[in-house]
Amino acid sequence: MGTMDSAREGAANVESAAENVAEHPVFENIARGGFVMSGLVHVLIGLIALRVALGGSSQDADQSGALRAIASAPGGNILLWIGGLAMVALMIWHLAEAWFGAKWEDDTKKRVNHVVKTVGKAVVYGALAVTALRFAAGGSSDSGEQTSELTAGFLGNPAGRIAIVIAGLVALGIGGYHVVKGISRGFEDDLRLPRGQKVAGVVVVTGVIGYIAKGLALIGVGIMFAWAGIGSDPEKATGMDGALKAMVSLPLGTVLLAVVGAGLILYGVYAVLRSRYAPM
């Protein structure tokens, strides 16, 4: 019995120490830097999309293209190291929020919803952190090509094709969620905005347009994945870059891509502002 009590006490001490670290101002400020890095990546993706819309560009309109642009700039590797580590901190903070925040929820459904959403955010920032640190260490990758290769491995059997279609439907759902969150201004629940100041209006405008634009881009990714699964064509599943460039072939596609590109730039601006006004 004494051993079990000691184990519980030890676990409680570890949990308390983890909570203290997650709530420490220094750690929180480092984690906020992850929002800034994410914002910079989205701004660059938006700029690349605009270049594609206005006359073509060989750059990848996705995270790899954005990070490659940062790496090639003077001091870019240093920025990638700083930004990558900041996003690692933000990932850890979200995991801590998933654990500790769930304890405050009395309703089981709300608790599960909180954990799923927060862990999902941690996965997104963790993946971007890994990619950024890989570029910082001198590596390189083409996310569109990697996605196609991974998809090809799944398309060799019926179960794999179903999985790819499901992945496309999930991306469609996430994209739709972003559009709704932008239209309904649901993102304001993630912020603590100052009342009566002009910056609050700027945050709202960038959030509304940015979330809708990112949602449209993700819907495009979902359509491409579902199309790849149904047609057994891995070349269609090229991620964000393929989805954005495919818009050009649509009626008024150039205009649509330019609007989405501008919206992604605003989403990036929103992410930078979020680093200041997100309660942590």
Protein backbone atom coordinates (compact mmCIF):
# COMPACT_ATOMS: atom_id res chain seq x y z
CA MET A 1 0.00 0.00 0.00
CA GLY A 2 2.84 2.32 0.89
CA THR A 3 4.46 1.63 -2.48
CA MET A 4 1.25 2.60 -4.33
CA ASP A 5 0.95 5.78 -2.27
CA SER A 6 4.56 6.67 -3.07
CA ALA A 7 3.93 6.04 -6.76
CA ARG A 8 0.84 8.26 -6.71
CA GLU A 9 2.75 10.97 -4.86
CA GLY A 10 5.62 10.72 -7.34
CA ALA A 11 3.23 10.95 -10.30
CA ALA A 12 1.52 13.95 -8.72
CA ASN A 13 4.88 15.67 -8.22
CA VAL A 14 5.87 15.04 -11.84
CA GLU A 15 2.51 16.36 -13.04
CA SER A 16 2.84 19.46 -10.85
CA ALA A 17 6.36 20.10 -12.14
CA ALA A 18 5.17 19.73 -15.75
CA GLU A 19 2.34 22.17 -15.13
CA ASN A 20 4.73 24.68 -13.57
CA VAL A 21 7.01 24.46 -16.61
CA ALA A 22 4.09 24.87 -19.03
CA GLU A 23 2.88 27.93 -17.14
CA HIS A 24 6.32 29.53 -16.74
CA PRO A 25 6.45 32.94 -18.50
CA VAL A 26 9.74 32.12 -20.26
CA PHE A 27 8.37 28.87 -21.71
CA GLU A 28 5.13 30.58 -22.71
CA ASN A 29 6.99 33.35 -24.53
CA ILE A 30 9.09 30.80 -26.42
CA ALA A 31 5.92 28.93 -27.37
CA ARG A 32 4.36 32.17 -28.62
CA GLY A 33 7.26 32.35 -31.05
CA GLY A 34 5.79 29.24 -32.67
CA PHE A 35 2.76 31.27 -33.75
CA VAL A 36 5.12 33.84 -35.31
CA MET A 37 6.99 31.16 -37.26
CA SER A 38 3.72 29.62 -38.45
CA GLY A 39 2.59 33.08 -39.53
CA LEU A 40 5.77 33.64 -41.52
CA VAL A 41 5.33 30.30 -43.31
CA HIS A 42 1.73 31.13 -44.25
CA VAL A 43 2.73 34.59 -45.52
CA LEU A 44 5.36 33.01 -47.77
CA ILE A 45 2.93 30.34 -49.04
CA GLY A 46 0.49 33.12 -49.86
CA LEU A 47 3.17 35.11 -51.69
CA ILE A 48 4.16 32.05 -53.74
CA ALA A 49 0.49 31.43 -54.59
CA LEU A 50 0.18 35.04 -55.73
CA ARG A 51 3.25 34.65 -57.95
CA VAL A 52 1.72 31.52 -59.50
CA ALA A 53 -1.54 33.39 -60.13
CA LEU A 54 0.16 36.45 -61.60
CA GLY A 55 2.43 34.68 -64.05
CA GLY A 56 3.73 31.41 -62.81
CA SER A 57 6.36 30.26 -60.35
CA SER A 58 8.46 27.11 -60.02
CA GLN A 59 8.37 27.31 -56.22
CA ASP A 60 6.23 24.92 -54.23
CA ALA A 61 3.21 26.73 -52.79
CA ASP A 62 3.36 24.82 -49.51
CA GLN A 63 5.39 24.52 -46.31
CA SER A 64 8.43 23.10 -48.11
CA GLY A 65 8.47 25.98 -50.57
CA ALA A 66 8.13 28.54 -47.78
CA LEU A 67 10.85 26.94 -45.62
CA ARG A 68 13.16 26.60 -48.64
CA ALA A 69 12.74 30.34 -49.25
CA ILE A 70 13.64 31.08 -45.63
CA ALA A 71 16.67 28.77 -45.75
CA SER A 72 18.03 30.53 -48.85
CA ALA A 73 17.81 34.00 -47.26
CA PRO A 74 20.74 35.52 -45.31
CA GLY A 75 20.53 34.21 -41.75
CA GLY A 76 17.71 31.92 -42.82
CA ASN A 77 19.15 28.82 -41.15
CA ILE A 78 19.35 30.61 -37.81
CA LEU A 79 15.74 31.72 -38.18
CA LEU A 80 14.72 28.14 -38.99
CA TRP A 81 16.45 26.81 -35.87
CA ILE A 82 14.80 29.45 -33.69
CA GLY A 83 11.40 29.05 -35.30
CA GLY A 84 11.58 25.25 -35.31
CA LEU A 85 12.44 25.08 -31.61
CA ALA A 86 9.72 27.63 -30.83
CA MET A 87 7.18 25.40 -32.59
CA VAL A 88 8.44 22.42 -30.58
CA ALA A 89 7.70 24.44 -27.46
CA LEU A 90 4.25 25.33 -28.84
CA MET A 91 3.59 21.65 -29.56
CA ILE A 92 4.55 20.73 -25.98
CA TRP A 93 2.36 23.54 -24.65
CA HIS A 94 -0.64 22.23 -26.61
CA LEU A 95 -0.04 18.70 -25.30
CA ALA A 96 0.07 20.09 -21.77
CA GLU A 97 -3.10 22.05 -22.46
CA ALA A 98 -4.78 18.86 -23.69
CA TRP A 99 -3.91 17.09 -20.45
CA PHE A 100 -4.48 19.81 -17.88
CA GLY A 101 -7.32 21.57 -19.70
CA ALA A 102 -9.34 18.35 -19.92
CA LYS A 103 -9.36 18.14 -16.13
CA TRP A 104 -11.42 21.33 -15.95
CA GLU A 105 -14.15 19.89 -18.18
CA ASP A 106 -16.92 18.12 -16.26
CA ASP A 107 -18.76 16.95 -19.38
CA THR A 108 -17.20 13.88 -21.04
CA LYS A 109 -18.13 15.01 -24.57
CA LYS A 110 -16.54 18.43 -24.01
CA ARG A 111 -13.47 16.77 -22.51
CA VAL A 112 -12.99 14.49 -25.53
CA ASN A 113 -13.60 17.40 -27.93
CA HIS A 114 -11.03 19.51 -26.08
CA VAL A 115 -8.40 16.76 -26.16
CA VAL A 116 -8.94 15.94 -29.86
CA LYS A 117 -8.74 19.58 -30.97
CA THR A 118 -5.72 20.42 -28.82
CA VAL A 119 -3.76 17.28 -29.69
CA GLY A 120 -4.58 17.96 -33.35
CA LYS A 121 -3.00 21.40 -33.05
CA ALA A 122 0.04 19.84 -31.36
CA VAL A 123 0.45 17.41 -34.26
CA VAL A 124 0.25 20.26 -36.82
CA TYR A 125 2.87 22.38 -35.06
CA GLY A 126 5.03 19.31 -34.38
CA ALA A 127 5.04 18.35 -38.07
CA LEU A 128 5.94 21.90 -39.12
CA ALA A 129 8.66 22.01 -36.44
CA VAL A 130 10.23 18.78 -37.73
CA THR A 131 10.21 20.08 -41.31
CA ALA A 132 11.69 23.44 -40.27
CA LEU A 133 14.46 21.80 -38.23
CA ARG A 134 15.24 19.43 -41.13
CA PHE A 135 15.76 22.43 -43.42
CA ALA A 136 17.78 24.18 -40.70
CA ALA A 137 20.09 21.16 -40.49
CA GLY A 138 20.75 21.37 -44.23
CA GLY A 139 18.19 18.83 -45.39
CA SER A 140 15.58 19.40 -48.04
CA SER A 141 12.36 17.80 -49.11
CA ASP A 142 9.55 18.15 -51.61
CA SER A 143 6.36 17.62 -49.61
CA GLY A 144 4.25 17.24 -52.75
CA GLU A 145 6.51 14.50 -54.13
CA GLN A 146 6.66 12.76 -50.74
CA THR A 147 2.87 12.88 -50.48
CA SER A 148 2.50 11.35 -53.94
CA GLU A 149 4.97 8.57 -53.10
CA LEU A 150 3.21 7.83 -49.81
CA THR A 151 -0.18 7.83 -51.54
CA ALA A 152 1.09 5.46 -54.22
CA GLY A 153 1.91 2.94 -51.51
CA PHE A 154 -1.70 3.01 -50.32
CA LEU A 155 -3.32 2.82 -53.75
CA GLY A 156 -2.06 -0.69 -54.42
CA ASN A 157 -5.03 -2.28 -52.65
CA PRO A 158 -8.74 -1.49 -52.04
CA ALA A 159 -8.25 -0.82 -48.32
CA GLY A 160 -5.52 1.70 -49.11
CA ARG A 161 -7.70 3.50 -51.65
CA ILE A 162 -10.48 3.75 -49.08
CA ALA A 163 -7.98 5.18 -46.58
CA ILE A 164 -6.89 7.84 -49.10
CA VAL A 165 -10.53 8.79 -49.79
CA ILE A 166 -11.16 9.02 -46.04
CA ALA A 167 -8.06 11.22 -45.68
CA GLY A 168 -9.49 13.46 -48.39
CA LEU A 169 -12.84 13.64 -46.61
CA VAL A 170 -11.07 14.52 -43.34
CA ALA A 171 -9.19 17.33 -45.12
CA LEU A 172 -12.50 18.52 -46.57
CA GLY A 173 -14.00 18.54 -43.09
CA ILE A 174 -11.06 20.46 -41.62
CA GLY A 175 -11.23 22.94 -44.49
CA GLY A 176 -14.96 23.42 -43.97
CA TYR A 177 -14.32 23.90 -40.25
CA HIS A 178 -11.83 26.68 -41.03
CA VAL A 179 -14.32 28.40 -43.37
CA VAL A 180 -17.09 28.25 -40.76
CA LYS A 181 -14.71 29.42 -38.03
CA GLY A 182 -13.78 32.40 -40.17
CA ILE A 183 -17.34 33.34 -41.13
CA SER A 184 -18.67 32.91 -37.58
CA ARG A 185 -15.59 34.59 -36.04
CA GLY A 186 -15.22 31.57 -33.79
CA PHE A 187 -11.46 32.16 -33.66
CA GLU A 188 -12.13 35.03 -31.25
CA ASP A 189 -12.62 32.38 -28.57
CA ASP A 190 -8.90 31.61 -28.94
CA LEU A 191 -7.93 35.22 -28.18
CA ARG A 192 -8.06 37.80 -25.46
CA LEU A 193 -8.51 41.00 -27.45
CA PRO A 194 -8.27 44.50 -25.97
CA ARG A 195 -11.59 46.32 -26.14
CA GLY A 196 -11.89 49.61 -27.96
CA GLN A 197 -8.50 49.43 -29.70
CA LYS A 198 -7.94 49.49 -33.48
CA VAL A 199 -5.72 46.41 -33.30
CA ALA A 200 -8.76 44.34 -32.29
CA GLY A 201 -10.41 45.21 -35.59
CA VAL A 202 -7.24 44.29 -37.51
CA VAL A 203 -7.10 40.92 -35.76
CA VAL A 204 -10.76 40.20 -36.58
CA VAL A 205 -10.41 41.17 -40.28
CA THR A 206 -7.23 39.12 -40.77
CA GLY A 207 -8.80 36.21 -38.87
CA VAL A 208 -12.04 36.17 -40.88
CA ILE A 209 -10.37 36.39 -44.31
CA GLY A 210 -7.41 34.23 -43.30
CA TYR A 211 -9.47 31.35 -41.92
CA ILE A 212 -11.74 31.33 -44.97
CA ALA A 213 -8.74 31.34 -47.35
CA LYS A 214 -6.96 28.55 -45.48
CA GLY A 215 -10.21 26.59 -45.38
CA LEU A 216 -10.57 26.88 -49.17
CA ALA A 217 -6.98 25.71 -49.63
CA LEU A 218 -7.57 22.69 -47.37
CA ILE A 219 -10.82 21.90 -49.21
CA GLY A 220 -8.75 21.84 -52.39
CA VAL A 221 -6.31 19.41 -50.74
CA GLY A 222 -9.23 17.21 -49.67
CA ILE A 223 -10.69 17.14 -53.18
CA MET A 224 -7.31 16.18 -54.67
CA PHE A 225 -6.86 13.34 -52.15
CA ALA A 226 -10.38 12.01 -52.69
CA TRP A 227 -9.88 12.22 -56.46
CA ALA A 228 -6.57 10.36 -56.15
CA GLY A 229 -8.22 7.61 -54.10
CA ILE A 230 -11.19 7.19 -56.41
CA GLY A 231 -9.12 7.28 -59.60
CA SER A 232 -6.10 5.39 -58.16
CA ASP A 233 -3.86 8.24 -59.33
CA PRO A 234 -1.19 9.22 -56.74
CA GLU A 235 -0.10 12.17 -58.91
CA LYS A 236 -3.32 13.94 -57.91
CA ALA A 237 -2.43 13.81 -54.20
CA THR A 238 0.30 16.45 -54.10
CA GLY A 239 -0.82 18.31 -51.00
CA MET A 240 -1.20 22.07 -50.70
CA ASP A 241 1.06 22.90 -53.66
CA GLY A 242 -0.93 20.73 -56.06
CA ALA A 243 -4.27 21.93 -54.74
CA LEU A 244 -3.39 25.62 -55.11
CA LYS A 245 -1.86 25.24 -58.58
CA ALA A 246 -4.86 23.18 -59.72
CA MET A 247 -7.07 26.22 -59.06
CA VAL A 248 -5.56 27.94 -62.10
CA SER A 249 -7.35 25.49 -64.43
CA LEU A 250 -10.77 26.38 -62.98
CA PRO A 251 -13.04 29.09 -64.46
CA LEU A 252 -11.71 32.37 -63.07
CA GLY A 253 -9.12 30.16 -61.37
CA THR A 254 -6.37 32.78 -61.58
CA VAL A 255 -8.54 35.24 -59.70
CA LEU A 256 -9.52 32.58 -57.16
CA LEU A 257 -5.87 31.61 -56.56
CA ALA A 258 -4.88 35.26 -56.16
CA VAL A 259 -7.67 35.77 -53.60
CA VAL A 260 -6.69 32.62 -51.69
CA GLY A 261 -3.03 33.64 -51.80
CA ALA A 262 -3.85 37.09 -50.39
CA GLY A 263 -6.02 35.41 -47.77
CA LEU A 264 -3.20 33.09 -46.71
CA ILE A 265 -0.97 36.15 -46.28
CA LEU A 266 -3.62 37.64 -43.99
CA TYR A 267 -3.85 34.34 -42.12
CA GLY A 268 -0.11 34.62 -41.54
CA VAL A 269 -0.56 38.15 -40.20
CA TYR A 270 -3.35 36.84 -37.95
CA ALA A 271 -1.03 34.09 -36.62
CA VAL A 272 1.61 36.69 -35.74
CA LEU A 273 -1.01 38.80 -33.95
CA ARG A 274 -2.27 35.67 -32.21
CA SER A 275 1.17 35.28 -30.64
CA ARG A 276 0.37 38.47 -28.73
CA TYR A 277 -3.29 37.95 -27.87
CA ALA A 278 -3.65 34.18 -27.35
CA PRO A 279 -4.22 33.40 -23.64
CA MET A 280 -1.60 30.90 -22.48
